[in-house]
Amino acid sequence: MPRRASLTTQETRDLEMLQEEVVQRRSRPRSPQRIGEVVSKWLSRRGYGQLRATAELRELWQSAVGTKVGRDSRPGTLRRGVLEVFVRNSTVLQELTFQKKQLLRQLSAHRHDAQFEDLRFRIGAMEIEENNRTTE
């Protein structure tokens, strides 16, 4: 037991409350949890759900635009039905702008759980990915 003479009254109360909580936790048995629930909580805390959603969105984008345009563009975030797409240069931006309606139809047809209402194209830095370095 720590020396209580050097503790203030507030610190003493806090210490007693913590000790009571430790005793309660030790005496209260926990009920078993399903492994799926535990794994789901762990994945959401680590942010893997967001990574998986981003990967699925990239695959969907690649299937909609094809490999040629897919190398020069990548999807960003999907907010309120608007998908932000980053492109390498203004030529690709213009080409995708001309294909906007067709791309929206393709994206909506492949993924029914998300609403694609609009596409916004922005010129931005492109990540270098090994699987996009294929030559045609």
N, C-alpha and C. Protein backbone atom coordinates (compact mmCIF):
# COMPACT_ATOMS: atom_id res chain seq x y z
N MET A 1 0.84 -1.17 0.00
CA MET A 1 0.00 0.00 0.00
C MET A 1 0.89 1.24 0.00
N PRO A 2 0.64 2.20 -0.89
CA PRO A 2 1.48 3.39 -0.93
C PRO A 2 1.26 4.25 0.31
N ARG A 3 2.23 5.07 0.55
CA ARG A 3 2.13 5.98 1.68
C ARG A 3 1.09 7.03 1.36
N ARG A 4 0.05 7.15 2.17
CA ARG A 4 -1.03 8.08 1.91
C ARG A 4 -0.78 9.43 2.56
N ALA A 5 0.21 9.53 3.40
CA ALA A 5 0.46 10.80 4.09
C ALA A 5 0.90 11.87 3.11
N SER A 6 1.57 11.49 2.02
CA SER A 6 2.07 12.48 1.07
C SER A 6 1.06 12.79 -0.03
N LEU A 7 -0.07 12.11 -0.06
CA LEU A 7 -1.09 12.34 -1.09
C LEU A 7 -2.11 13.38 -0.61
N THR A 8 -2.62 14.15 -1.56
CA THR A 8 -3.69 15.09 -1.23
C THR A 8 -4.99 14.32 -1.06
N THR A 9 -6.00 14.96 -0.56
CA THR A 9 -7.28 14.27 -0.35
C THR A 9 -7.89 13.84 -1.68
N GLN A 10 -7.77 14.66 -2.73
CA GLN A 10 -8.31 14.29 -4.04
C GLN A 10 -7.56 13.10 -4.60
N GLU A 11 -6.26 13.08 -4.47
CA GLU A 11 -5.47 11.95 -4.96
C GLU A 11 -5.81 10.68 -4.19
N THR A 12 -6.07 10.82 -2.91
CA THR A 12 -6.44 9.67 -2.09
C THR A 12 -7.79 9.10 -2.56
N ARG A 13 -8.76 9.97 -2.81
CA ARG A 13 -10.06 9.51 -3.31
C ARG A 13 -9.92 8.83 -4.67
N ASP A 14 -9.12 9.43 -5.55
CA ASP A 14 -8.90 8.83 -6.87
C ASP A 14 -8.27 7.46 -6.75
N LEU A 15 -7.29 7.34 -5.87
CA LEU A 15 -6.62 6.06 -5.67
C LEU A 15 -7.59 5.01 -5.14
N GLU A 16 -8.42 5.37 -4.20
CA GLU A 16 -9.40 4.43 -3.66
C GLU A 16 -10.41 4.00 -4.72
N MET A 17 -10.84 4.94 -5.56
CA MET A 17 -11.78 4.59 -6.63
C MET A 17 -11.14 3.63 -7.62
N LEU A 18 -9.88 3.87 -7.96
CA LEU A 18 -9.18 2.98 -8.88
C LEU A 18 -9.03 1.58 -8.28
N GLN A 19 -8.71 1.52 -7.00
CA GLN A 19 -8.55 0.22 -6.35
C GLN A 19 -9.88 -0.54 -6.33
N GLU A 20 -10.98 0.16 -6.06
CA GLU A 20 -12.29 -0.48 -6.08
C GLU A 20 -12.64 -0.99 -7.47
N GLU A 21 -12.30 -0.20 -8.49
CA GLU A 21 -12.59 -0.62 -9.86
C GLU A 21 -11.79 -1.86 -10.24
N VAL A 22 -10.53 -1.93 -9.79
CA VAL A 22 -9.71 -3.10 -10.08
C VAL A 22 -10.31 -4.34 -9.42
N VAL A 23 -10.77 -4.20 -8.18
CA VAL A 23 -11.38 -5.33 -7.48
C VAL A 23 -12.65 -5.78 -8.20
N GLN A 24 -13.46 -4.83 -8.66
CA GLN A 24 -14.69 -5.17 -9.37
C GLN A 24 -14.40 -5.88 -10.68
N ARG A 25 -13.39 -5.42 -11.39
CA ARG A 25 -13.06 -6.05 -12.67
C ARG A 25 -12.56 -7.47 -12.49
N ARG A 26 -11.80 -7.69 -11.42
CA ARG A 26 -11.27 -9.03 -11.17
C ARG A 26 -12.37 -10.00 -10.76
N SER A 27 -13.35 -9.50 -10.01
CA SER A 27 -14.37 -10.39 -9.49
C SER A 27 -15.50 -10.64 -10.50
N ARG A 28 -15.66 -9.77 -11.48
CA ARG A 28 -16.75 -9.90 -12.46
C ARG A 28 -16.27 -10.74 -13.65
N PRO A 29 -16.87 -11.90 -13.84
CA PRO A 29 -16.46 -12.72 -14.99
C PRO A 29 -16.97 -12.12 -16.29
N ARG A 30 -16.18 -12.22 -17.31
CA ARG A 30 -16.56 -11.74 -18.63
C ARG A 30 -17.26 -12.85 -19.39
N SER A 31 -18.25 -12.45 -20.15
CA SER A 31 -18.92 -13.44 -20.99
C SER A 31 -18.13 -13.57 -22.29
N PRO A 32 -18.14 -14.75 -22.86
CA PRO A 32 -17.39 -14.94 -24.11
C PRO A 32 -17.98 -14.12 -25.25
N GLN A 33 -17.11 -13.68 -26.14
CA GLN A 33 -17.54 -12.92 -27.31
C GLN A 33 -17.30 -13.75 -28.56
N ARG A 34 -18.10 -13.48 -29.57
CA ARG A 34 -17.91 -14.17 -30.84
C ARG A 34 -16.64 -13.66 -31.50
N ILE A 35 -15.93 -14.57 -32.13
CA ILE A 35 -14.66 -14.21 -32.76
C ILE A 35 -14.86 -13.19 -33.88
N GLY A 36 -15.98 -13.29 -34.58
CA GLY A 36 -16.27 -12.34 -35.66
C GLY A 36 -16.41 -10.92 -35.14
N GLU A 37 -17.04 -10.77 -33.97
CA GLU A 37 -17.20 -9.45 -33.37
C GLU A 37 -15.86 -8.89 -32.93
N VAL A 38 -15.03 -9.73 -32.34
CA VAL A 38 -13.71 -9.29 -31.88
C VAL A 38 -12.86 -8.86 -33.06
N VAL A 39 -12.84 -9.66 -34.11
CA VAL A 39 -12.04 -9.34 -35.29
C VAL A 39 -12.57 -8.07 -35.96
N SER A 40 -13.88 -7.93 -36.03
CA SER A 40 -14.48 -6.74 -36.64
C SER A 40 -14.09 -5.47 -35.88
N LYS A 41 -14.16 -5.52 -34.56
CA LYS A 41 -13.76 -4.36 -33.76
C LYS A 41 -12.29 -4.04 -33.97
N TRP A 42 -11.46 -5.07 -33.99
CA TRP A 42 -10.03 -4.87 -34.16
C TRP A 42 -9.72 -4.26 -35.53
N LEU A 43 -10.36 -4.77 -36.58
CA LEU A 43 -10.13 -4.24 -37.92
C LEU A 43 -10.59 -2.79 -38.04
N SER A 44 -11.71 -2.45 -37.43
CA SER A 44 -12.19 -1.07 -37.51
C SER A 44 -11.28 -0.13 -36.74
N ARG A 45 -10.75 -0.57 -35.61
CA ARG A 45 -9.82 0.28 -34.86
C ARG A 45 -8.54 0.53 -35.64
N ARG A 46 -8.10 -0.46 -36.38
CA ARG A 46 -6.85 -0.34 -37.14
C ARG A 46 -7.04 0.38 -38.48
N GLY A 47 -8.28 0.56 -38.92
CA GLY A 47 -8.55 1.27 -40.16
C GLY A 47 -8.50 0.40 -41.41
N TYR A 48 -8.53 -0.93 -41.23
CA TYR A 48 -8.46 -1.81 -42.38
C TYR A 48 -9.72 -1.78 -43.23
N GLY A 49 -10.84 -1.45 -42.63
CA GLY A 49 -12.09 -1.34 -43.39
C GLY A 49 -12.00 -0.26 -44.45
N GLN A 50 -11.41 0.87 -44.07
CA GLN A 50 -11.23 1.97 -45.01
C GLN A 50 -10.26 1.59 -46.13
N LEU A 51 -9.21 0.87 -45.78
CA LEU A 51 -8.25 0.43 -46.80
C LEU A 51 -8.91 -0.51 -47.79
N ARG A 52 -9.74 -1.42 -47.28
CA ARG A 52 -10.43 -2.35 -48.16
C ARG A 52 -11.40 -1.64 -49.09
N ALA A 53 -12.13 -0.65 -48.56
CA ALA A 53 -13.07 0.11 -49.39
C ALA A 53 -12.33 0.89 -50.47
N THR A 54 -11.18 1.44 -50.14
CA THR A 54 -10.38 2.17 -51.12
C THR A 54 -9.88 1.23 -52.21
N ALA A 55 -9.44 0.05 -51.83
CA ALA A 55 -8.96 -0.92 -52.82
C ALA A 55 -10.10 -1.36 -53.74
N GLU A 56 -11.29 -1.57 -53.19
CA GLU A 56 -12.43 -1.96 -54.01
C GLU A 56 -12.80 -0.84 -54.99
N LEU A 57 -12.73 0.40 -54.52
CA LEU A 57 -13.04 1.53 -55.39
C LEU A 57 -12.02 1.64 -56.53
N ARG A 58 -10.76 1.37 -56.24
CA ARG A 58 -9.72 1.40 -57.29
C ARG A 58 -9.96 0.31 -58.33
N GLU A 59 -10.32 -0.87 -57.86
CA GLU A 59 -10.60 -1.97 -58.80
C GLU A 59 -11.80 -1.63 -59.67
N LEU A 60 -12.83 -1.06 -59.07
CA LEU A 60 -14.02 -0.67 -59.81
C LEU A 60 -13.67 0.39 -60.86
N TRP A 61 -12.86 1.35 -60.48
CA TRP A 61 -12.45 2.41 -61.41
C TRP A 61 -11.64 1.82 -62.57
N GLN A 62 -10.71 0.92 -62.27
CA GLN A 62 -9.90 0.30 -63.32
C GLN A 62 -10.77 -0.47 -64.30
N SER A 63 -11.78 -1.18 -63.80
CA SER A 63 -12.65 -1.94 -64.70
C SER A 63 -13.51 -1.01 -65.54
N ALA A 64 -13.85 0.17 -65.03
CA ALA A 64 -14.70 1.10 -65.78
C ALA A 64 -13.92 1.83 -66.86
N VAL A 65 -12.69 2.24 -66.57
CA VAL A 65 -11.95 3.07 -67.53
C VAL A 65 -10.96 2.28 -68.38
N GLY A 66 -10.59 1.09 -67.96
CA GLY A 66 -9.62 0.30 -68.71
C GLY A 66 -8.20 0.60 -68.26
N THR A 67 -7.26 -0.19 -68.76
CA THR A 67 -5.88 -0.08 -68.30
C THR A 67 -5.18 1.17 -68.81
N LYS A 68 -5.48 1.58 -70.04
CA LYS A 68 -4.78 2.73 -70.62
C LYS A 68 -5.06 4.01 -69.82
N VAL A 69 -6.32 4.31 -69.61
CA VAL A 69 -6.68 5.51 -68.85
C VAL A 69 -6.46 5.27 -67.36
N GLY A 70 -6.59 4.02 -66.92
CA GLY A 70 -6.40 3.68 -65.52
C GLY A 70 -5.01 3.98 -65.01
N ARG A 71 -4.02 3.91 -65.90
CA ARG A 71 -2.65 4.24 -65.49
C ARG A 71 -2.48 5.72 -65.21
N ASP A 72 -3.30 6.55 -65.84
CA ASP A 72 -3.16 7.99 -65.71
C ASP A 72 -4.23 8.61 -64.81
N SER A 73 -4.97 7.78 -64.10
CA SER A 73 -6.01 8.31 -63.20
C SER A 73 -6.17 7.37 -62.03
N ARG A 74 -6.68 7.92 -60.94
CA ARG A 74 -6.99 7.10 -59.77
C ARG A 74 -8.15 7.74 -59.02
N PRO A 75 -9.02 6.92 -58.43
CA PRO A 75 -10.15 7.48 -57.68
C PRO A 75 -9.68 8.00 -56.32
N GLY A 76 -10.35 9.05 -55.89
CA GLY A 76 -10.09 9.61 -54.57
C GLY A 76 -11.19 9.18 -53.62
N THR A 77 -11.87 10.15 -53.06
CA THR A 77 -12.93 9.85 -52.10
C THR A 77 -14.31 9.93 -52.75
N LEU A 78 -15.23 9.18 -52.19
CA LEU A 78 -16.62 9.21 -52.61
C LEU A 78 -17.42 9.84 -51.49
N ARG A 79 -17.89 11.05 -51.72
CA ARG A 79 -18.66 11.77 -50.71
C ARG A 79 -19.96 12.26 -51.31
N ARG A 80 -21.04 11.88 -50.67
CA ARG A 80 -22.38 12.30 -51.09
C ARG A 80 -22.64 12.06 -52.56
N GLY A 81 -22.17 10.92 -53.05
CA GLY A 81 -22.42 10.54 -54.43
C GLY A 81 -21.46 11.13 -55.44
N VAL A 82 -20.51 11.94 -54.99
CA VAL A 82 -19.55 12.56 -55.91
C VAL A 82 -18.20 11.89 -55.73
N LEU A 83 -17.72 11.26 -56.80
CA LEU A 83 -16.42 10.61 -56.77
C LEU A 83 -15.37 11.58 -57.29
N GLU A 84 -14.37 11.83 -56.48
CA GLU A 84 -13.27 12.69 -56.88
C GLU A 84 -12.21 11.81 -57.55
N VAL A 85 -11.77 12.21 -58.74
CA VAL A 85 -10.82 11.42 -59.50
C VAL A 85 -9.60 12.28 -59.79
N PHE A 86 -8.43 11.76 -59.47
CA PHE A 86 -7.19 12.46 -59.75
C PHE A 86 -6.62 11.96 -61.07
N VAL A 87 -6.18 12.89 -61.91
CA VAL A 87 -5.64 12.54 -63.22
C VAL A 87 -4.24 13.11 -63.35
N ARG A 88 -3.47 12.52 -64.26
CA ARG A 88 -2.08 12.91 -64.42
C ARG A 88 -1.92 14.26 -65.12
N ASN A 89 -2.75 14.54 -66.13
CA ASN A 89 -2.58 15.79 -66.88
C ASN A 89 -3.92 16.23 -67.47
N SER A 90 -3.90 17.38 -68.10
CA SER A 90 -5.14 17.96 -68.62
C SER A 90 -5.70 17.18 -69.80
N THR A 91 -4.88 16.46 -70.53
CA THR A 91 -5.36 15.66 -71.65
C THR A 91 -6.27 14.54 -71.15
N VAL A 92 -5.82 13.87 -70.11
CA VAL A 92 -6.62 12.79 -69.52
C VAL A 92 -7.88 13.37 -68.89
N LEU A 93 -7.76 14.53 -68.27
CA LEU A 93 -8.92 15.19 -67.67
C LEU A 93 -9.99 15.46 -68.73
N GLN A 94 -9.57 15.96 -69.87
CA GLN A 94 -10.52 16.27 -70.94
C GLN A 94 -11.14 15.00 -71.50
N GLU A 95 -10.34 13.96 -71.69
CA GLU A 95 -10.85 12.70 -72.21
C GLU A 95 -11.90 12.10 -71.27
N LEU A 96 -11.62 12.14 -69.95
CA LEU A 96 -12.57 11.61 -68.99
C LEU A 96 -13.82 12.47 -68.88
N THR A 97 -13.68 13.77 -69.06
CA THR A 97 -14.84 14.66 -69.05
C THR A 97 -15.79 14.30 -70.18
N PHE A 98 -15.25 13.98 -71.35
CA PHE A 98 -16.10 13.58 -72.47
C PHE A 98 -16.82 12.25 -72.19
N GLN A 99 -16.20 11.39 -71.41
CA GLN A 99 -16.77 10.06 -71.11
C GLN A 99 -17.55 10.02 -69.79
N LYS A 100 -17.80 11.16 -69.19
CA LYS A 100 -18.36 11.21 -67.84
C LYS A 100 -19.67 10.44 -67.70
N LYS A 101 -20.63 10.67 -68.58
CA LYS A 101 -21.94 10.00 -68.47
C LYS A 101 -21.80 8.49 -68.59
N GLN A 102 -20.98 8.06 -69.53
CA GLN A 102 -20.77 6.63 -69.72
C GLN A 102 -20.09 6.01 -68.49
N LEU A 103 -19.11 6.71 -67.92
CA LEU A 103 -18.42 6.21 -66.73
C LEU A 103 -19.37 6.11 -65.54
N LEU A 104 -20.24 7.10 -65.39
CA LEU A 104 -21.21 7.06 -64.30
C LEU A 104 -22.13 5.85 -64.43
N ARG A 105 -22.58 5.56 -65.65
CA ARG A 105 -23.44 4.39 -65.87
C ARG A 105 -22.69 3.10 -65.53
N GLN A 106 -21.44 3.00 -65.97
CA GLN A 106 -20.65 1.79 -65.71
C GLN A 106 -20.40 1.61 -64.21
N LEU A 107 -20.05 2.68 -63.53
CA LEU A 107 -19.78 2.58 -62.10
C LEU A 107 -21.03 2.18 -61.34
N SER A 108 -22.15 2.77 -61.68
CA SER A 108 -23.41 2.44 -61.00
C SER A 108 -23.85 1.01 -61.30
N ALA A 109 -23.59 0.54 -62.50
CA ALA A 109 -23.97 -0.84 -62.86
C ALA A 109 -23.14 -1.87 -62.10
N HIS A 110 -21.87 -1.56 -61.84
CA HIS A 110 -20.99 -2.52 -61.18
C HIS A 110 -21.14 -2.52 -59.67
N ARG A 111 -21.59 -1.41 -59.13
CA ARG A 111 -21.68 -1.31 -57.66
C ARG A 111 -23.02 -0.69 -57.29
N HIS A 112 -23.91 -1.54 -56.83
CA HIS A 112 -25.27 -1.10 -56.54
C HIS A 112 -25.41 -0.48 -55.15
N ASP A 113 -24.47 -0.76 -54.25
CA ASP A 113 -24.59 -0.25 -52.89
C ASP A 113 -24.14 1.21 -52.75
N ALA A 114 -23.48 1.75 -53.77
CA ALA A 114 -23.03 3.14 -53.73
C ALA A 114 -23.71 3.94 -54.82
N GLN A 115 -24.07 5.16 -54.51
CA GLN A 115 -24.69 6.06 -55.47
C GLN A 115 -23.60 6.93 -56.11
N PHE A 116 -23.44 6.81 -57.40
CA PHE A 116 -22.52 7.67 -58.14
C PHE A 116 -23.35 8.69 -58.90
N GLU A 117 -23.37 9.92 -58.40
CA GLU A 117 -24.16 10.97 -59.02
C GLU A 117 -23.33 11.88 -59.91
N ASP A 118 -22.04 12.02 -59.58
CA ASP A 118 -21.20 12.93 -60.35
C ASP A 118 -19.74 12.50 -60.20
N LEU A 119 -18.94 12.92 -61.16
CA LEU A 119 -17.50 12.72 -61.11
C LEU A 119 -16.83 14.08 -61.16
N ARG A 120 -15.85 14.29 -60.32
CA ARG A 120 -15.07 15.54 -60.34
C ARG A 120 -13.63 15.17 -60.59
N PHE A 121 -13.08 15.74 -61.64
CA PHE A 121 -11.72 15.42 -62.03
C PHE A 121 -10.78 16.54 -61.58
N ARG A 122 -9.63 16.12 -61.05
CA ARG A 122 -8.61 17.07 -60.61
C ARG A 122 -7.25 16.58 -61.06
N ILE A 123 -6.43 17.51 -61.47
CA ILE A 123 -5.05 17.15 -61.82
C ILE A 123 -4.29 17.04 -60.51
N GLY A 124 -3.62 15.92 -60.32
CA GLY A 124 -2.91 15.70 -59.07
C GLY A 124 -1.78 14.72 -59.24
N ALA A 125 -0.99 14.57 -58.19
CA ALA A 125 0.14 13.65 -58.20
C ALA A 125 -0.37 12.22 -58.25
N MET A 126 0.27 11.42 -59.06
CA MET A 126 -0.12 10.02 -59.21
C MET A 126 0.87 9.15 -58.47
N GLU A 127 0.35 8.13 -57.79
CA GLU A 127 1.20 7.18 -57.10
C GLU A 127 1.78 6.22 -58.14
N ILE A 128 3.01 5.83 -57.93
CA ILE A 128 3.63 4.86 -58.83
C ILE A 128 3.36 3.48 -58.26
N GLU A 129 2.64 2.67 -59.03
CA GLU A 129 2.31 1.32 -58.61
C GLU A 129 2.95 0.34 -59.58
N GLU A 130 3.46 -0.72 -59.03
CA GLU A 130 4.13 -1.74 -59.85
C GLU A 130 3.17 -2.38 -60.85
N ASN A 131 1.93 -2.63 -60.44
CA ASN A 131 1.01 -3.32 -61.35
C ASN A 131 0.51 -2.41 -62.46
N ASN A 132 0.74 -1.12 -62.37
CA ASN A 132 0.34 -0.19 -63.44
C ASN A 132 1.46 0.05 -64.44
N ARG A 133 2.60 -0.56 -64.23
CA ARG A 133 3.73 -0.34 -65.11
C ARG A 133 3.80 -1.33 -66.27
N THR A 134 2.71 -1.91 -66.62
CA THR A 134 2.70 -2.86 -67.72
C THR A 134 2.77 -2.11 -69.03
N THR A 135 3.44 -2.68 -70.00
CA THR A 135 3.56 -2.05 -71.30
C THR A 135 2.56 -2.67 -72.25
N GLU A 136 2.07 -1.87 -73.15
CA GLU A 136 1.10 -2.38 -74.13
C GLU A 136 1.73 -2.52 -75.47
